[in-house]
Amino acid sequence: MAAPQGSGLPDLNLLRTFLAVYRAGAFTAGARMLGLSQPTVTTQIRSLENQLGRELFERLPRGVAPTPFADELAARVMEPLDALGTVGGFGGLFGEGDADPVHLAGPAEYLSHCVLPTLAPLIDKGVRLRFTFGLTDDLLEALRAGRHDLVVATLRPRGRSLASVPLTDEEFVLVAAPPWADRIGSRLATEGPAALHGVPLISYAEDVPIVRRYWRHVFGKRLTCTPAVTVPDLRAVKSAVAGGAGYSVLPRYLCADELASGALVLLNDPDDAPINTGFLVQRPGSSTNPHVALVRDHLLRSARGT
């Protein structure tokens, strides 16, 4: 980040206001978080922009969007200001005290495998978490009804009422245990999916949505077989496949260890594997709880490796 123009460091109160607006996505919501008036927040942001010599936010019809410079500034000041806030004197903005639990929902597999371990450092800071597992459509309805603060969604929500940002890209892979892989051998490359005839399909659901998508994307064909086993948890699907029950399509993150150890084998490795983008969706108004912003920002930084 370029060095700020002017002399001296920005006032901590201005940085505090900047971070509130950055997290809330609007001057009005940021003002509510701080217990200030909206004109006061607007004046403080303009003062900070003048001190830094750079624009921080693009004014939109609804709310504001941070500039690239604001993203860099937030990355630099977020952790120090949050840590300073735990000492006191910042009105509960940065994570101390009596904030309500953060209600986070999403696919059981992704939350268990990727999110829960990532959020462990926040527990030590006093953040309380309440998790709900489920399907995206149901969870987004519950989010709109106020039952969740954040949802990891497998699709971008429609309309403008819910703000969402891309969180992760998951790659899907076709896998089986070594005995089935040995039996199939290299025939998949020459015969296509016909090479899997007689091999049991293990699926997440009766309508095999993940496998159907893989067939269309990779083979350009419609899946015609029915599953031998359905179990509504991809971790259980992985266990069944690793145990030799048959083949399936799984997110790579979920079976990376088994692929590395040889417990599972890639049956196919296309140049253009199916990718699904997961989105982090926040309930409007949830920014009044400072811990929601902590969880959201932590997840986004972790997903980006920063």
C-alpha atoms as a PDB file:
ATOM      1  CA  MET A   1       0.000   0.000   0.000  1.00  0.00           C
ATOM      2  CA  ALA A   2       1.265   3.435  -0.830  1.00  0.00           C
ATOM      3  CA  ALA A   3       2.316   5.554   2.110  1.00  0.00           C
ATOM      4  CA  PRO A   4      -0.365   7.992   3.286  1.00  0.00           C
ATOM      5  CA  GLN A   5       0.059  11.559   2.149  1.00  0.00           C
ATOM      6  CA  GLY A   6       0.438  14.253   4.775  1.00  0.00           C
ATOM      7  CA  SER A   7       2.224  14.102   8.072  1.00  0.00           C
ATOM      8  CA  GLY A   8       1.649  11.828  11.024  1.00  0.00           C
ATOM      9  CA  LEU A   9      -0.603   8.834  11.491  1.00  0.00           C
ATOM     10  CA  PRO A  10      -4.394   9.002  11.098  1.00  0.00           C
ATOM     11  CA  ASP A  11      -6.377   9.474  14.286  1.00  0.00           C
ATOM     12  CA  LEU A  12      -7.439   6.137  15.799  1.00  0.00           C
ATOM     13  CA  ASN A  13     -11.038   7.325  16.018  1.00  0.00           C
ATOM     14  CA  LEU A  14     -11.040   7.964  12.272  1.00  0.00           C
ATOM     15  CA  LEU A  15      -9.644   4.504  11.618  1.00  0.00           C
ATOM     16  CA  ARG A  16     -12.266   3.075  13.949  1.00  0.00           C
ATOM     17  CA  THR A  17     -14.979   4.825  11.932  1.00  0.00           C
ATOM     18  CA  PHE A  18     -13.433   3.663   8.673  1.00  0.00           C
ATOM     19  CA  LEU A  19     -13.443   0.051   9.841  1.00  0.00           C
ATOM     20  CA  ALA A  20     -17.081   0.253  10.959  1.00  0.00           C
ATOM     21  CA  VAL A  21     -18.169   1.586   7.547  1.00  0.00           C
ATOM     22  CA  TYR A  22     -15.957  -0.957   5.772  1.00  0.00           C
ATOM     23  CA  ARG A  23     -17.543  -3.826   7.672  1.00  0.00           C
ATOM     24  CA  ALA A  24     -21.102  -2.535   7.507  1.00  0.00           C
ATOM     25  CA  GLY A  25     -20.965  -1.545   3.820  1.00  0.00           C
ATOM     26  CA  ALA A  26     -22.802   1.713   4.484  1.00  0.00           C
ATOM     27  CA  PHE A  27     -22.330   4.971   6.359  1.00  0.00           C
ATOM     28  CA  THR A  28     -25.694   4.665   8.116  1.00  0.00           C
ATOM     29  CA  ALA A  29     -25.092   1.103   9.322  1.00  0.00           C
ATOM     30  CA  GLY A  30     -21.555   2.024  10.380  1.00  0.00           C
ATOM     31  CA  ALA A  31     -22.946   4.942  12.350  1.00  0.00           C
ATOM     32  CA  ARG A  32     -25.356   2.619  14.173  1.00  0.00           C
ATOM     33  CA  MET A  33     -22.487   0.335  15.116  1.00  0.00           C
ATOM     34  CA  LEU A  34     -20.603   3.279  16.600  1.00  0.00           C
ATOM     35  CA  GLY A  35     -23.532   5.064  18.186  1.00  0.00           C
ATOM     36  CA  LEU A  36     -22.854   8.166  16.071  1.00  0.00           C
ATOM     37  CA  SER A  37     -24.946  10.175  13.661  1.00  0.00           C
ATOM     38  CA  GLN A  38     -24.634   9.499   9.940  1.00  0.00           C
ATOM     39  CA  PRO A  39     -23.404  13.076   9.202  1.00  0.00           C
ATOM     40  CA  THR A  40     -20.680  12.663  11.824  1.00  0.00           C
ATOM     41  CA  VAL A  41     -19.495   9.433  10.226  1.00  0.00           C
ATOM     42  CA  THR A  42     -19.556  11.034   6.765  1.00  0.00           C
ATOM     43  CA  THR A  43     -17.473  13.936   8.049  1.00  0.00           C
ATOM     44  CA  GLN A  44     -14.957  11.606   9.706  1.00  0.00           C
ATOM     45  CA  ILE A  45     -14.542   9.506   6.547  1.00  0.00           C
ATOM     46  CA  ARG A  46     -13.964  12.642   4.482  1.00  0.00           C
ATOM     47  CA  SER A  47     -11.415  13.806   7.045  1.00  0.00           C
ATOM     48  CA  LEU A  48      -9.590  10.490   6.841  1.00  0.00           C
ATOM     49  CA  GLU A  49      -9.652  10.578   3.038  1.00  0.00           C
ATOM     50  CA  ASN A  50      -8.146  14.069   3.161  1.00  0.00           C
ATOM     51  CA  GLN A  51      -5.412  12.917   5.546  1.00  0.00           C
ATOM     52  CA  LEU A  52      -4.561   9.914   3.387  1.00  0.00           C
ATOM     53  CA  GLY A  53      -4.978  11.704   0.094  1.00  0.00           C
ATOM     54  CA  ARG A  54      -6.973   8.809  -1.288  1.00  0.00           C
ATOM     55  CA  GLU A  55     -10.642   7.939  -1.782  1.00  0.00           C
ATOM     56  CA  LEU A  56     -11.783   5.103   0.477  1.00  0.00           C
ATOM     57  CA  PHE A  57     -15.328   4.375  -0.666  1.00  0.00           C
ATOM     58  CA  GLU A  58     -17.324   4.568  -3.852  1.00  0.00           C
ATOM     59  CA  ARG A  59     -20.768   5.932  -3.083  1.00  0.00           C
ATOM     60  CA  LEU A  60     -23.513   3.640  -4.427  1.00  0.00           C
ATOM     61  CA  PRO A  61     -27.313   4.025  -4.573  1.00  0.00           C
ATOM     62  CA  ARG A  62     -27.416   1.669  -1.610  1.00  0.00           C
ATOM     63  CA  GLY A  63     -24.403   1.800   0.665  1.00  0.00           C
ATOM     64  CA  VAL A  64     -20.776   2.099  -0.366  1.00  0.00           C
ATOM     65  CA  ALA A  65     -18.132  -0.105  -1.981  1.00  0.00           C
ATOM     66  CA  PRO A  66     -14.532  -0.004  -0.732  1.00  0.00           C
ATOM     67  CA  THR A  67     -11.841   1.058  -3.158  1.00  0.00           C
ATOM     68  CA  PRO A  68      -8.768  -1.174  -3.610  1.00  0.00           C
ATOM     69  CA  PHE A  69      -6.886   1.244  -1.368  1.00  0.00           C
ATOM     70  CA  ALA A  70      -9.543   0.757   1.344  1.00  0.00           C
ATOM     71  CA  ASP A  71      -9.179  -3.026   1.061  1.00  0.00           C
ATOM     72  CA  GLU A  72      -5.437  -2.696   1.630  1.00  0.00           C
ATOM     73  CA  LEU A  73      -5.925  -0.282   4.522  1.00  0.00           C
ATOM     74  CA  ALA A  74      -8.467  -2.575   6.183  1.00  0.00           C
ATOM     75  CA  ALA A  75      -6.113  -5.547   5.852  1.00  0.00           C
ATOM     76  CA  ARG A  76      -3.424  -3.563   7.657  1.00  0.00           C
ATOM     77  CA  VAL A  77      -5.449  -2.022  10.476  1.00  0.00           C
ATOM     78  CA  MET A  78      -8.101  -4.653  11.188  1.00  0.00           C
ATOM     79  CA  GLU A  79      -6.141  -6.980  13.466  1.00  0.00           C
ATOM     80  CA  PRO A  80      -4.339  -4.211  15.417  1.00  0.00           C
ATOM     81  CA  LEU A  81      -7.575  -2.302  16.009  1.00  0.00           C
ATOM     82  CA  ASP A  82      -9.465  -5.444  16.979  1.00  0.00           C
ATOM     83  CA  ALA A  83      -6.691  -6.323  19.419  1.00  0.00           C
ATOM     84  CA  LEU A  84      -6.702  -2.793  20.800  1.00  0.00           C
ATOM     85  CA  GLY A  85     -10.459  -2.975  21.203  1.00  0.00           C
ATOM     86  CA  THR A  86     -10.174  -5.885  23.604  1.00  0.00           C
ATOM     87  CA  VAL A  87      -8.288  -3.573  25.999  1.00  0.00           C
ATOM     88  CA  GLY A  88     -11.388  -1.395  26.228  1.00  0.00           C
ATOM     89  CA  GLY A  89     -12.600   2.045  25.406  1.00  0.00           C
ATOM     90  CA  PHE A  90     -14.019   1.339  21.941  1.00  0.00           C
ATOM     91  CA  GLY A  91     -17.655   0.756  22.728  1.00  0.00           C
ATOM     92  CA  GLY A  92     -17.660  -2.984  21.961  1.00  0.00           C
ATOM     93  CA  LEU A  93     -16.917  -2.557  18.250  1.00  0.00           C
ATOM     94  CA  PHE A  94     -13.910  -4.797  18.067  1.00  0.00           C
ATOM     95  CA  GLY A  95     -15.044  -7.967  19.681  1.00  0.00           C
ATOM     96  CA  GLU A  96     -15.034  -7.800  23.425  1.00  0.00           C
ATOM     97  CA  GLY A  97     -17.718  -8.265  25.976  1.00  0.00           C
ATOM     98  CA  ASP A  98     -21.301  -9.279  25.631  1.00  0.00           C
ATOM     99  CA  ALA A  99     -21.911  -9.602  21.894  1.00  0.00           C
ATOM    100  CA  ASP A 100     -24.577 -12.100  20.887  1.00  0.00           C
ATOM    101  CA  PRO A 101     -23.573 -15.469  19.427  1.00  0.00           C
ATOM    102  CA  VAL A 102     -22.931 -15.538  15.675  1.00  0.00           C
ATOM    103  CA  HIS A 103     -25.339 -17.863  13.871  1.00  0.00           C
ATOM    104  CA  LEU A 104     -23.518 -19.423  10.902  1.00  0.00           C
ATOM    105  CA  ALA A 105     -25.135 -21.899   8.522  1.00  0.00           C
ATOM    106  CA  GLY A 106     -24.131 -23.882   5.454  1.00  0.00           C
ATOM    107  CA  PRO A 107     -23.315 -27.349   4.106  1.00  0.00           C
ATOM    108  CA  ALA A 108     -22.348 -29.720   6.915  1.00  0.00           C
ATOM    109  CA  GLU A 109     -19.279 -30.982   5.106  1.00  0.00           C
ATOM    110  CA  TYR A 110     -17.794 -27.599   4.263  1.00  0.00           C
ATOM    111  CA  LEU A 111     -18.498 -26.069   7.654  1.00  0.00           C
ATOM    112  CA  SER A 112     -17.070 -29.087   9.474  1.00  0.00           C
ATOM    113  CA  HIS A 113     -14.008 -29.567   7.288  1.00  0.00           C
ATOM    114  CA  CYS A 114     -13.061 -25.995   6.349  1.00  0.00           C
ATOM    115  CA  VAL A 115     -14.837 -23.446   8.539  1.00  0.00           C
ATOM    116  CA  LEU A 116     -14.759 -24.782  12.092  1.00  0.00           C
ATOM    117  CA  PRO A 117     -10.962 -25.253  12.207  1.00  0.00           C
ATOM    118  CA  THR A 118     -10.470 -21.820  10.630  1.00  0.00           C
ATOM    119  CA  LEU A 119     -12.516 -20.042  13.286  1.00  0.00           C
ATOM    120  CA  ALA A 120     -10.739 -21.599  16.261  1.00  0.00           C
ATOM    121  CA  PRO A 121      -8.642 -18.443  16.992  1.00  0.00           C
ATOM    122  CA  LEU A 122     -11.805 -16.356  17.372  1.00  0.00           C
ATOM    123  CA  ILE A 123     -13.162 -18.616  20.102  1.00  0.00           C
ATOM    124  CA  ASP A 124     -10.205 -17.637  22.247  1.00  0.00           C
ATOM    125  CA  LYS A 125     -11.219 -13.985  21.718  1.00  0.00           C
ATOM    126  CA  GLY A 126     -14.656 -14.602  23.185  1.00  0.00           C
ATOM    127  CA  VAL A 127     -16.628 -15.118  19.983  1.00  0.00           C
ATOM    128  CA  ARG A 128     -19.547 -17.508  20.478  1.00  0.00           C
ATOM    129  CA  LEU A 129     -20.756 -19.534  17.481  1.00  0.00           C
ATOM    130  CA  ARG A 130     -23.967 -21.386  16.706  1.00  0.00           C
ATOM    131  CA  PHE A 131     -23.899 -23.648  13.637  1.00  0.00           C
ATOM    132  CA  THR A 132     -26.756 -24.948  11.505  1.00  0.00           C
ATOM    133  CA  PHE A 133     -26.340 -27.455   8.677  1.00  0.00           C
ATOM    134  CA  GLY A 134     -28.648 -27.606   5.679  1.00  0.00           C
ATOM    135  CA  LEU A 135     -29.337 -26.943   2.006  1.00  0.00           C
ATOM    136  CA  THR A 136     -28.782 -23.508   0.524  1.00  0.00           C
ATOM    137  CA  ASP A 137     -32.378 -22.631  -0.405  1.00  0.00           C
ATOM    138  CA  ASP A 138     -33.674 -23.477   3.066  1.00  0.00           C
ATOM    139  CA  LEU A 139     -30.822 -21.666   4.805  1.00  0.00           C
ATOM    140  CA  LEU A 140     -31.265 -18.489   2.763  1.00  0.00           C
ATOM    141  CA  GLU A 141     -34.959 -18.427   3.649  1.00  0.00           C
ATOM    142  CA  ALA A 142     -34.014 -18.758   7.301  1.00  0.00           C
ATOM    143  CA  LEU A 143     -31.440 -15.978   6.855  1.00  0.00           C
ATOM    144  CA  ARG A 144     -34.108 -13.658   5.465  1.00  0.00           C
ATOM    145  CA  ALA A 145     -36.294 -14.560   8.435  1.00  0.00           C
ATOM    146  CA  GLY A 146     -33.508 -13.511  10.801  1.00  0.00           C
ATOM    147  CA  ARG A 147     -32.539 -16.960  12.103  1.00  0.00           C
ATOM    148  CA  HIS A 148     -28.947 -16.840  10.771  1.00  0.00           C
ATOM    149  CA  ASP A 149     -26.333 -14.091  10.535  1.00  0.00           C
ATOM    150  CA  LEU A 150     -24.119 -15.662   7.864  1.00  0.00           C
ATOM    151  CA  VAL A 151     -24.730 -18.436   5.355  1.00  0.00           C
ATOM    152  CA  VAL A 152     -22.209 -20.248   3.198  1.00  0.00           C
ATOM    153  CA  ALA A 153     -24.309 -20.748   0.054  1.00  0.00           C
ATOM    154  CA  THR A 154     -23.618 -23.037  -2.891  1.00  0.00           C
ATOM    155  CA  LEU A 155     -25.148 -20.456  -5.234  1.00  0.00           C
ATOM    156  CA  ARG A 156     -25.384 -16.670  -5.335  1.00  0.00           C
ATOM    157  CA  PRO A 157     -28.712 -15.500  -3.884  1.00  0.00           C
ATOM    158  CA  ARG A 158     -31.071 -13.802  -6.299  1.00  0.00           C
ATOM    159  CA  GLY A 159     -32.141 -10.204  -5.933  1.00  0.00           C
ATOM    160  CA  ARG A 160     -30.549  -7.295  -4.107  1.00  0.00           C
ATOM    161  CA  SER A 161     -31.854  -7.924  -0.614  1.00  0.00           C
ATOM    162  CA  LEU A 162     -28.933 -10.155   0.393  1.00  0.00           C
ATOM    163  CA  ALA A 163     -25.298  -9.124   0.034  1.00  0.00           C
ATOM    164  CA  SER A 164     -22.910 -11.922  -0.933  1.00  0.00           C
ATOM    165  CA  VAL A 165     -19.235 -12.276  -1.777  1.00  0.00           C
ATOM    166  CA  PRO A 166     -17.402 -15.237  -3.358  1.00  0.00           C
ATOM    167  CA  LEU A 167     -15.782 -17.326  -0.643  1.00  0.00           C
ATOM    168  CA  THR A 168     -14.322 -20.452  -2.210  1.00  0.00           C
ATOM    169  CA  ASP A 169     -14.135 -22.539  -5.374  1.00  0.00           C
ATOM    170  CA  GLU A 170     -14.556 -26.273  -4.905  1.00  0.00           C
ATOM    171  CA  GLU A 171     -13.416 -28.733  -7.564  1.00  0.00           C
ATOM    172  CA  PHE A 172     -15.300 -32.004  -8.032  1.00  0.00           C
ATOM    173  CA  VAL A 173     -13.445 -35.268  -8.655  1.00  0.00           C
ATOM    174  CA  LEU A 174     -14.497 -38.778  -9.706  1.00  0.00           C
ATOM    175  CA  VAL A 175     -13.098 -41.277  -7.214  1.00  0.00           C
ATOM    176  CA  ALA A 176     -13.166 -44.929  -6.127  1.00  0.00           C
ATOM    177  CA  ALA A 177     -11.218 -47.224  -3.838  1.00  0.00           C
ATOM    178  CA  PRO A 178      -8.097 -48.917  -5.302  1.00  0.00           C
ATOM    179  CA  PRO A 179      -9.764 -52.310  -6.058  1.00  0.00           C
ATOM    180  CA  TRP A 180     -12.417 -50.656  -8.230  1.00  0.00           C
ATOM    181  CA  ALA A 181      -9.844 -48.345  -9.804  1.00  0.00           C
ATOM    182  CA  ASP A 182      -7.701 -51.349 -10.724  1.00  0.00           C
ATOM    183  CA  ARG A 183     -10.716 -53.090 -12.241  1.00  0.00           C
ATOM    184  CA  ILE A 184     -11.644 -50.048 -14.325  1.00  0.00           C
ATOM    185  CA  GLY A 185      -8.025 -49.345 -15.279  1.00  0.00           C
ATOM    186  CA  SER A 186      -7.576 -47.030 -18.246  1.00  0.00           C
ATOM    187  CA  ARG A 187     -10.875 -47.964 -19.902  1.00  0.00           C
ATOM    188  CA  LEU A 188     -12.529 -44.719 -18.811  1.00  0.00           C
ATOM    189  CA  ALA A 189     -10.257 -42.790 -21.189  1.00  0.00           C
ATOM    190  CA  THR A 190     -11.287 -44.912 -24.172  1.00  0.00           C
ATOM    191  CA  GLU A 191     -14.815 -46.031 -23.341  1.00  0.00           C
ATOM    192  CA  GLY A 192     -16.024 -43.010 -21.395  1.00  0.00           C
ATOM    193  CA  PRO A 193     -18.573 -43.519 -18.632  1.00  0.00           C
ATOM    194  CA  ALA A 194     -19.535 -46.909 -20.101  1.00  0.00           C
ATOM    195  CA  ALA A 195     -16.421 -48.222 -18.342  1.00  0.00           C
ATOM    196  CA  LEU A 196     -18.270 -47.741 -15.049  1.00  0.00           C
ATOM    197  CA  HIS A 197     -21.074 -50.132 -16.001  1.00  0.00           C
ATOM    198  CA  GLY A 198     -21.528 -52.598 -13.165  1.00  0.00           C
ATOM    199  CA  VAL A 199     -19.743 -50.404 -10.601  1.00  0.00           C
ATOM    200  CA  PRO A 200     -22.125 -49.228  -7.834  1.00  0.00           C
ATOM    201  CA  LEU A 201     -22.769 -45.487  -7.636  1.00  0.00           C
ATOM    202  CA  ILE A 202     -22.771 -43.902  -4.170  1.00  0.00           C
ATOM    203  CA  SER A 203     -24.615 -40.591  -4.027  1.00  0.00           C
ATOM    204  CA  TYR A 204     -25.576 -37.727  -1.748  1.00  0.00           C
ATOM    205  CA  ALA A 205     -29.203 -37.808  -2.943  1.00  0.00           C
ATOM    206  CA  GLU A 206     -31.543 -39.882  -5.072  1.00  0.00           C
ATOM    207  CA  ASP A 207     -31.437 -37.370  -7.928  1.00  0.00           C
ATOM    208  CA  VAL A 208     -27.586 -37.435  -7.865  1.00  0.00           C
ATOM    209  CA  PRO A 209     -27.119 -33.679  -8.502  1.00  0.00           C
ATOM    210  CA  ILE A 210     -23.336 -33.596  -8.090  1.00  0.00           C
ATOM    211  CA  VAL A 211     -22.749 -36.652 -10.259  1.00  0.00           C
ATOM    212  CA  ARG A 212     -25.196 -35.465 -12.930  1.00  0.00           C
ATOM    213  CA  ARG A 213     -23.368 -32.173 -13.166  1.00  0.00           C
ATOM    214  CA  TYR A 214     -20.025 -33.951 -13.488  1.00  0.00           C
ATOM    215  CA  TRP A 215     -21.384 -36.154 -16.314  1.00  0.00           C
ATOM    216  CA  ARG A 216     -22.693 -33.163 -18.267  1.00  0.00           C
ATOM    217  CA  HIS A 217     -19.546 -31.088 -17.756  1.00  0.00           C
ATOM    218  CA  VAL A 218     -16.882 -33.750 -18.340  1.00  0.00           C
ATOM    219  CA  PHE A 219     -18.507 -36.392 -20.530  1.00  0.00           C
ATOM    220  CA  GLY A 220     -21.126 -34.248 -22.259  1.00  0.00           C
ATOM    221  CA  LYS A 221     -23.684 -36.949 -21.540  1.00  0.00           C
ATOM    222  CA  ARG A 222     -26.726 -37.484 -19.389  1.00  0.00           C
ATOM    223  CA  LEU A 223     -26.283 -39.766 -16.393  1.00  0.00           C
ATOM    224  CA  THR A 224     -28.582 -42.753 -16.767  1.00  0.00           C
ATOM    225  CA  CYS A 225     -27.718 -45.038 -13.847  1.00  0.00           C
ATOM    226  CA  THR A 226     -29.378 -44.932 -10.440  1.00  0.00           C
ATOM    227  CA  PRO A 227     -27.434 -44.951  -7.176  1.00  0.00           C
ATOM    228  CA  ALA A 228     -26.847 -48.140  -5.248  1.00  0.00           C
ATOM    229  CA  VAL A 229     -26.521 -46.170  -2.012  1.00  0.00           C
ATOM    230  CA  THR A 230     -27.732 -42.686  -1.049  1.00  0.00           C
ATOM    231  CA  VAL A 231     -26.649 -40.986   2.152  1.00  0.00           C
ATOM    232  CA  PRO A 232     -27.266 -37.254   2.794  1.00  0.00           C
ATOM    233  CA  ASP A 233     -23.758 -36.438   3.991  1.00  0.00           C
ATOM    234  CA  LEU A 234     -20.757 -36.271   1.675  1.00  0.00           C
ATOM    235  CA  ARG A 235     -18.484 -37.398   4.512  1.00  0.00           C
ATOM    236  CA  ALA A 236     -20.489 -40.611   4.695  1.00  0.00           C
ATOM    237  CA  VAL A 237     -20.348 -40.945   0.904  1.00  0.00           C
ATOM    238  CA  LYS A 238     -16.560 -40.639   1.130  1.00  0.00           C
ATOM    239  CA  SER A 239     -16.404 -43.326   3.817  1.00  0.00           C
ATOM    240  CA  ALA A 240     -18.546 -45.693   1.762  1.00  0.00           C
ATOM    241  CA  VAL A 241     -16.431 -45.177  -1.352  1.00  0.00           C
ATOM    242  CA  ALA A 242     -13.160 -45.557   0.556  1.00  0.00           C
ATOM    243  CA  GLY A 243     -14.562 -48.767   2.041  1.00  0.00           C
ATOM    244  CA  GLY A 244     -15.011 -50.216  -1.447  1.00  0.00           C
ATOM    245  CA  ALA A 245     -18.764 -49.754  -1.910  1.00  0.00           C
ATOM    246  CA  GLY A 246     -18.423 -48.137  -5.332  1.00  0.00           C
ATOM    247  CA  TYR A 247     -17.608 -44.803  -6.961  1.00  0.00           C
ATOM    248  CA  SER A 248     -18.793 -41.227  -6.525  1.00  0.00           C
ATOM    249  CA  VAL A 249     -18.050 -37.568  -7.258  1.00  0.00           C
ATOM    250  CA  LEU A 250     -16.776 -35.558  -4.280  1.00  0.00           C
ATOM    251  CA  PRO A 251     -15.306 -32.112  -3.589  1.00  0.00           C
ATOM    252  CA  ARG A 252     -11.540 -32.369  -3.771  1.00  0.00           C
ATOM    253  CA  TYR A 253     -11.065 -30.591  -0.427  1.00  0.00           C
ATOM    254  CA  LEU A 254     -13.076 -33.323   1.286  1.00  0.00           C
ATOM    255  CA  CYS A 255     -11.021 -36.234  -0.017  1.00  0.00           C
ATOM    256  CA  ALA A 256      -7.570 -34.637  -0.433  1.00  0.00           C
ATOM    257  CA  ASP A 257      -6.070 -36.677   2.435  1.00  0.00           C
ATOM    258  CA  GLU A 258      -7.471 -39.947   1.097  1.00  0.00           C
ATOM    259  CA  LEU A 259      -6.167 -39.191  -2.394  1.00  0.00           C
ATOM    260  CA  ALA A 260      -2.739 -38.409  -0.951  1.00  0.00           C
ATOM    261  CA  SER A 261      -2.655 -41.625   1.103  1.00  0.00           C
ATOM    262  CA  GLY A 262      -4.004 -43.840  -1.679  1.00  0.00           C
ATOM    263  CA  ALA A 263      -7.213 -44.738   0.150  1.00  0.00           C
ATOM    264  CA  LEU A 264      -9.035 -43.178  -2.819  1.00  0.00           C
ATOM    265  CA  VAL A 265      -7.957 -42.996  -6.442  1.00  0.00           C
ATOM    266  CA  LEU A 266      -8.849 -40.480  -9.148  1.00  0.00           C
ATOM    267  CA  LEU A 267     -10.684 -42.308 -11.909  1.00  0.00           C
ATOM    268  CA  ASN A 268     -10.498 -39.317 -14.216  1.00  0.00           C
ATOM    269  CA  ASP A 269      -8.426 -36.136 -14.252  1.00  0.00           C
ATOM    270  CA  PRO A 270      -9.899 -33.802 -16.884  1.00  0.00           C
ATOM    271  CA  ASP A 271      -8.231 -30.538 -17.829  1.00  0.00           C
ATOM    272  CA  ASP A 272     -11.500 -28.713 -17.158  1.00  0.00           C
ATOM    273  CA  ALA A 273     -12.939 -30.166 -13.966  1.00  0.00           C
ATOM    274  CA  PRO A 274     -16.315 -28.947 -12.676  1.00  0.00           C
ATOM    275  CA  ILE A 275     -15.976 -26.032 -10.261  1.00  0.00           C
ATOM    276  CA  ASN A 276     -18.616 -24.685  -7.920  1.00  0.00           C
ATOM    277  CA  THR A 277     -18.283 -21.274  -6.246  1.00  0.00           C
ATOM    278  CA  GLY A 278     -19.441 -20.894  -2.672  1.00  0.00           C
ATOM    279  CA  PHE A 279     -20.699 -17.505  -1.474  1.00  0.00           C
ATOM    280  CA  LEU A 280     -20.706 -15.937   1.966  1.00  0.00           C
ATOM    281  CA  VAL A 281     -24.080 -14.260   2.508  1.00  0.00           C
ATOM    282  CA  GLN A 282     -24.797 -11.845   5.362  1.00  0.00           C
ATOM    283  CA  ARG A 283     -28.165 -10.990   6.828  1.00  0.00           C
ATOM    284  CA  PRO A 284     -29.108  -7.300   6.541  1.00  0.00           C
ATOM    285  CA  GLY A 285     -28.825  -5.643   9.921  1.00  0.00           C
ATOM    286  CA  SER A 286     -26.512  -8.259  11.412  1.00  0.00           C
ATOM    287  CA  SER A 287     -23.625  -5.769  11.426  1.00  0.00           C
ATOM    288  CA  THR A 288     -24.975  -4.417  14.720  1.00  0.00           C
ATOM    289  CA  ASN A 289     -23.279  -7.456  16.257  1.00  0.00           C
ATOM    290  CA  PRO A 290     -19.516  -6.768  16.008  1.00  0.00           C
ATOM    291  CA  HIS A 291     -18.675 -10.465  16.161  1.00  0.00           C
ATOM    292  CA  VAL A 292     -20.513 -11.079  12.881  1.00  0.00           C
ATOM    293  CA  ALA A 293     -18.012  -8.792  11.178  1.00  0.00           C
ATOM    294  CA  LEU A 294     -15.113 -10.554  12.906  1.00  0.00           C
ATOM    295  CA  VAL A 295     -16.298 -13.959  11.687  1.00  0.00           C
ATOM    296  CA  ARG A 296     -17.034 -12.716   8.168  1.00  0.00           C
ATOM    297  CA  ASP A 297     -13.690 -10.967   7.767  1.00  0.00           C
ATOM    298  CA  HIS A 298     -11.784 -13.904   9.243  1.00  0.00           C
ATOM    299  CA  LEU A 299     -13.414 -16.340   6.828  1.00  0.00           C
ATOM    300  CA  LEU A 300     -12.709 -14.126   3.824  1.00  0.00           C
ATOM    301  CA  ARG A 301      -9.054 -13.597   4.825  1.00  0.00           C
ATOM    302  CA  SER A 302      -8.589 -17.329   5.404  1.00  0.00           C
ATOM    303  CA  ALA A 303     -10.175 -18.212   2.077  1.00  0.00           C
ATOM    304  CA  ARG A 304      -7.848 -15.774   0.301  1.00  0.00           C
ATOM    305  CA  GLY A 305      -4.801 -16.998   2.217  1.00  0.00           C
ATOM    306  CA  THR A 306      -4.096 -13.569   3.708  1.00  0.00           C
END
